[in-house]
Amino acid sequence: MDGDFAAVEAVLRDYFDGLYHSDAGLLARVFHPKAIYVSATEGPLIYRTMAEYFPIVEAREAPAARNEARADRIVGIAFAGPVTATAQVNCAIGPRYFTDCLTLILDEGRWQIISKVFHWEERTN
């Protein structure tokens, strides 16, 4: 599983880069086309498909354009089997600090994020 661990880490690095640069093209490579995006932090459930999520990413000013300090961190990666993994990660965009719970699958020979469920808090620093 060492190779799988490294492959998942590589997906997560691209995920962080995609968020930091607001690069929907890069994110489209790490998310499975049928992935979901979910949060209940602000009250009513937010549920989006990738077709709904990527335009939001493209429309926002990239943290890189504001020279924001990166706060990317892989908290943990766990494998549920040979084709299923979970990752808990942290990152920041603007005034918000995110904890993302990502589920990944090995599909057609590559690891991809199939779900993103997250919580955010206002940054204190």
C-alpha atoms as a PDB file:
ATOM      1  CA  MET A   1       0.000   0.000   0.000  1.00  0.00           C
ATOM      2  CA  ASP A   2       3.020   2.317   0.100  1.00  0.00           C
ATOM      3  CA  GLY A   3       2.501   3.184  -3.559  1.00  0.00           C
ATOM      4  CA  ASP A   4      -1.167   3.864  -2.929  1.00  0.00           C
ATOM      5  CA  PHE A   5      -0.316   6.108   0.019  1.00  0.00           C
ATOM      6  CA  ALA A   6       2.046   8.128  -2.169  1.00  0.00           C
ATOM      7  CA  ALA A   7      -0.560   8.311  -4.944  1.00  0.00           C
ATOM      8  CA  VAL A   8      -3.220   9.606  -2.537  1.00  0.00           C
ATOM      9  CA  GLU A   9      -0.742  12.146  -1.137  1.00  0.00           C
ATOM     10  CA  ALA A  10      -0.083  13.350  -4.694  1.00  0.00           C
ATOM     11  CA  VAL A  11      -3.830  13.805  -5.285  1.00  0.00           C
ATOM     12  CA  LEU A  12      -4.061  15.812  -2.058  1.00  0.00           C
ATOM     13  CA  ARG A  13      -1.134  18.045  -3.065  1.00  0.00           C
ATOM     14  CA  ASP A  14      -2.888  18.771  -6.371  1.00  0.00           C
ATOM     15  CA  TYR A  15      -6.126  19.386  -4.457  1.00  0.00           C
ATOM     16  CA  PHE A  16      -4.399  21.975  -2.248  1.00  0.00           C
ATOM     17  CA  ASP A  17      -2.773  23.608  -5.289  1.00  0.00           C
ATOM     18  CA  GLY A  18      -6.108  23.727  -7.112  1.00  0.00           C
ATOM     19  CA  LEU A  19      -7.766  25.470  -4.181  1.00  0.00           C
ATOM     20  CA  TYR A  20      -4.874  27.883  -3.598  1.00  0.00           C
ATOM     21  CA  HIS A  21      -4.754  28.915  -7.261  1.00  0.00           C
ATOM     22  CA  SER A  22      -8.558  28.685  -7.854  1.00  0.00           C
ATOM     23  CA  ASP A  23      -7.697  26.281 -10.666  1.00  0.00           C
ATOM     24  CA  ALA A  24     -10.878  24.421 -11.585  1.00  0.00           C
ATOM     25  CA  GLY A  25      -8.994  22.500 -14.293  1.00  0.00           C
ATOM     26  CA  LEU A  26      -6.592  21.046 -11.753  1.00  0.00           C
ATOM     27  CA  LEU A  27      -9.458  20.283  -9.379  1.00  0.00           C
ATOM     28  CA  ALA A  28     -11.306  18.537 -12.214  1.00  0.00           C
ATOM     29  CA  ARG A  29      -8.360  16.147 -12.454  1.00  0.00           C
ATOM     30  CA  VAL A  30      -8.470  15.238  -8.737  1.00  0.00           C
ATOM     31  CA  PHE A  31     -12.254  15.015  -8.361  1.00  0.00           C
ATOM     32  CA  HIS A  32     -14.187  12.151  -9.901  1.00  0.00           C
ATOM     33  CA  PRO A  33     -16.755  13.543 -12.380  1.00  0.00           C
ATOM     34  CA  LYS A  34     -19.563  12.220 -10.132  1.00  0.00           C
ATOM     35  CA  ALA A  35     -18.098  13.629  -6.917  1.00  0.00           C
ATOM     36  CA  ILE A  36     -20.207  15.536  -4.423  1.00  0.00           C
ATOM     37  CA  TYR A  37     -19.479  18.642  -2.334  1.00  0.00           C
ATOM     38  CA  VAL A  38     -21.321  18.901   0.993  1.00  0.00           C
ATOM     39  CA  SER A  39     -21.403  21.149   4.057  1.00  0.00           C
ATOM     40  CA  ALA A  40     -23.880  21.987   6.794  1.00  0.00           C
ATOM     41  CA  THR A  41     -21.713  24.577   8.567  1.00  0.00           C
ATOM     42  CA  GLU A  42     -23.957  27.553   7.831  1.00  0.00           C
ATOM     43  CA  GLY A  43     -27.268  25.850   8.506  1.00  0.00           C
ATOM     44  CA  PRO A  44     -29.168  24.314   5.613  1.00  0.00           C
ATOM     45  CA  LEU A  45     -27.271  21.591   3.842  1.00  0.00           C
ATOM     46  CA  ILE A  46     -25.136  22.683   0.896  1.00  0.00           C
ATOM     47  CA  TYR A  47     -24.951  19.916  -1.712  1.00  0.00           C
ATOM     48  CA  ARG A  48     -23.273  20.497  -5.051  1.00  0.00           C
ATOM     49  CA  THR A  49     -22.148  18.494  -8.020  1.00  0.00           C
ATOM     50  CA  MET A  50     -18.829  19.260  -9.662  1.00  0.00           C
ATOM     51  CA  ALA A  51     -20.681  21.062 -12.480  1.00  0.00           C
ATOM     52  CA  GLU A  52     -22.031  23.427  -9.793  1.00  0.00           C
ATOM     53  CA  TYR A  53     -18.821  23.660  -7.760  1.00  0.00           C
ATOM     54  CA  PHE A  54     -16.181  24.394 -10.414  1.00  0.00           C
ATOM     55  CA  PRO A  55     -17.746  27.690 -11.602  1.00  0.00           C
ATOM     56  CA  ILE A  56     -17.664  28.913  -7.980  1.00  0.00           C
ATOM     57  CA  VAL A  57     -13.948  28.134  -7.807  1.00  0.00           C
ATOM     58  CA  GLU A  58     -13.314  29.879 -11.132  1.00  0.00           C
ATOM     59  CA  ALA A  59     -15.211  33.005 -10.026  1.00  0.00           C
ATOM     60  CA  ARG A  60     -13.378  33.601  -6.769  1.00  0.00           C
ATOM     61  CA  GLU A  61     -10.114  35.436  -6.406  1.00  0.00           C
ATOM     62  CA  ALA A  62      -7.353  32.931  -5.810  1.00  0.00           C
ATOM     63  CA  PRO A  63      -5.638  32.948  -2.417  1.00  0.00           C
ATOM     64  CA  ALA A  64      -2.376  32.941  -4.415  1.00  0.00           C
ATOM     65  CA  ALA A  65      -3.374  36.236  -6.053  1.00  0.00           C
ATOM     66  CA  ARG A  66      -3.710  37.751  -2.552  1.00  0.00           C
ATOM     67  CA  ASN A  67      -0.400  36.214  -1.429  1.00  0.00           C
ATOM     68  CA  GLU A  68      -2.194  34.431   1.398  1.00  0.00           C
ATOM     69  CA  ALA A  69      -0.064  32.201   3.562  1.00  0.00           C
ATOM     70  CA  ARG A  70      -0.882  28.573   2.901  1.00  0.00           C
ATOM     71  CA  ALA A  71      -2.283  26.484   5.726  1.00  0.00           C
ATOM     72  CA  ASP A  72      -2.453  23.128   3.928  1.00  0.00           C
ATOM     73  CA  ARG A  73      -2.114  20.088   6.133  1.00  0.00           C
ATOM     74  CA  ILE A  74      -2.848  16.410   5.755  1.00  0.00           C
ATOM     75  CA  VAL A  75      -4.229  15.312   9.119  1.00  0.00           C
ATOM     76  CA  GLY A  76      -4.516  11.667   8.146  1.00  0.00           C
ATOM     77  CA  ILE A  77      -5.050   9.122   5.398  1.00  0.00           C
ATOM     78  CA  ALA A  78      -6.714   5.765   5.995  1.00  0.00           C
ATOM     79  CA  PHE A  79      -7.440   2.923   3.606  1.00  0.00           C
ATOM     80  CA  ALA A  80     -10.733   1.037   3.881  1.00  0.00           C
ATOM     81  CA  GLY A  81      -9.553  -1.422   1.240  1.00  0.00           C
ATOM     82  CA  PRO A  82      -7.531  -1.562  -1.958  1.00  0.00           C
ATOM     83  CA  VAL A  83      -9.782   0.907  -3.835  1.00  0.00           C
ATOM     84  CA  THR A  84     -11.172   3.129  -1.050  1.00  0.00           C
ATOM     85  CA  ALA A  85      -9.453   5.690   1.149  1.00  0.00           C
ATOM     86  CA  THR A  86     -10.342   8.616   3.362  1.00  0.00           C
ATOM     87  CA  ALA A  87      -8.321  11.720   4.078  1.00  0.00           C
ATOM     88  CA  GLN A  88      -8.841  14.474   6.591  1.00  0.00           C
ATOM     89  CA  VAL A  89      -7.134  17.695   5.557  1.00  0.00           C
ATOM     90  CA  ASN A  90      -7.008  21.354   6.566  1.00  0.00           C
ATOM     91  CA  CYS A  91      -6.585  24.445   4.455  1.00  0.00           C
ATOM     92  CA  ALA A  92      -7.533  28.117   4.500  1.00  0.00           C
ATOM     93  CA  ILE A  93      -9.158  30.396   1.966  1.00  0.00           C
ATOM     94  CA  GLY A  94      -9.620  34.039   2.891  1.00  0.00           C
ATOM     95  CA  PRO A  95     -10.911  34.384   6.439  1.00  0.00           C
ATOM     96  CA  ARG A  96     -12.024  30.742   6.666  1.00  0.00           C
ATOM     97  CA  TYR A  97     -10.155  27.703   7.961  1.00  0.00           C
ATOM     98  CA  PHE A  98     -11.476  24.423   6.571  1.00  0.00           C
ATOM     99  CA  THR A  99     -11.484  20.840   7.750  1.00  0.00           C
ATOM    100  CA  ASP A 100     -12.258  18.632   4.761  1.00  0.00           C
ATOM    101  CA  CYS A 101     -13.216  14.978   5.007  1.00  0.00           C
ATOM    102  CA  LEU A 102     -12.407  13.517   1.617  1.00  0.00           C
ATOM    103  CA  THR A 103     -13.324  10.069   0.348  1.00  0.00           C
ATOM    104  CA  LEU A 104     -11.200   8.758  -2.500  1.00  0.00           C
ATOM    105  CA  ILE A 105     -11.659   5.823  -4.830  1.00  0.00           C
ATOM    106  CA  LEU A 106      -9.301   4.078  -7.210  1.00  0.00           C
ATOM    107  CA  ASP A 107     -11.189   4.212 -10.495  1.00  0.00           C
ATOM    108  CA  GLU A 108      -9.760   3.426 -13.913  1.00  0.00           C
ATOM    109  CA  GLY A 109      -6.274   3.139 -12.448  1.00  0.00           C
ATOM    110  CA  ARG A 110      -6.101   6.441 -10.577  1.00  0.00           C
ATOM    111  CA  TRP A 111      -7.118   7.820  -7.212  1.00  0.00           C
ATOM    112  CA  GLN A 112      -9.852  10.467  -7.304  1.00  0.00           C
ATOM    113  CA  ILE A 113     -11.902  12.324  -4.717  1.00  0.00           C
ATOM    114  CA  ILE A 114     -15.505  11.090  -4.844  1.00  0.00           C
ATOM    115  CA  SER A 115     -16.815  13.164  -1.915  1.00  0.00           C
ATOM    116  CA  LYS A 116     -15.866  16.318  -0.068  1.00  0.00           C
ATOM    117  CA  VAL A 117     -17.666  16.948   3.211  1.00  0.00           C
ATOM    118  CA  PHE A 118     -16.341  19.916   5.109  1.00  0.00           C
ATOM    119  CA  HIS A 119     -16.652  22.260   8.058  1.00  0.00           C
ATOM    120  CA  TRP A 120     -15.244  25.768   8.278  1.00  0.00           C
ATOM    121  CA  GLU A 121     -14.513  28.280  10.999  1.00  0.00           C
ATOM    122  CA  GLU A 122     -13.412  31.899  10.914  1.00  0.00           C
ATOM    123  CA  ARG A 123      -9.625  32.178  11.204  1.00  0.00           C
ATOM    124  CA  THR A 124      -8.323  33.574  14.451  1.00  0.00           C
ATOM    125  CA  ASN A 125      -4.889  34.601  13.159  1.00  0.00           C
END
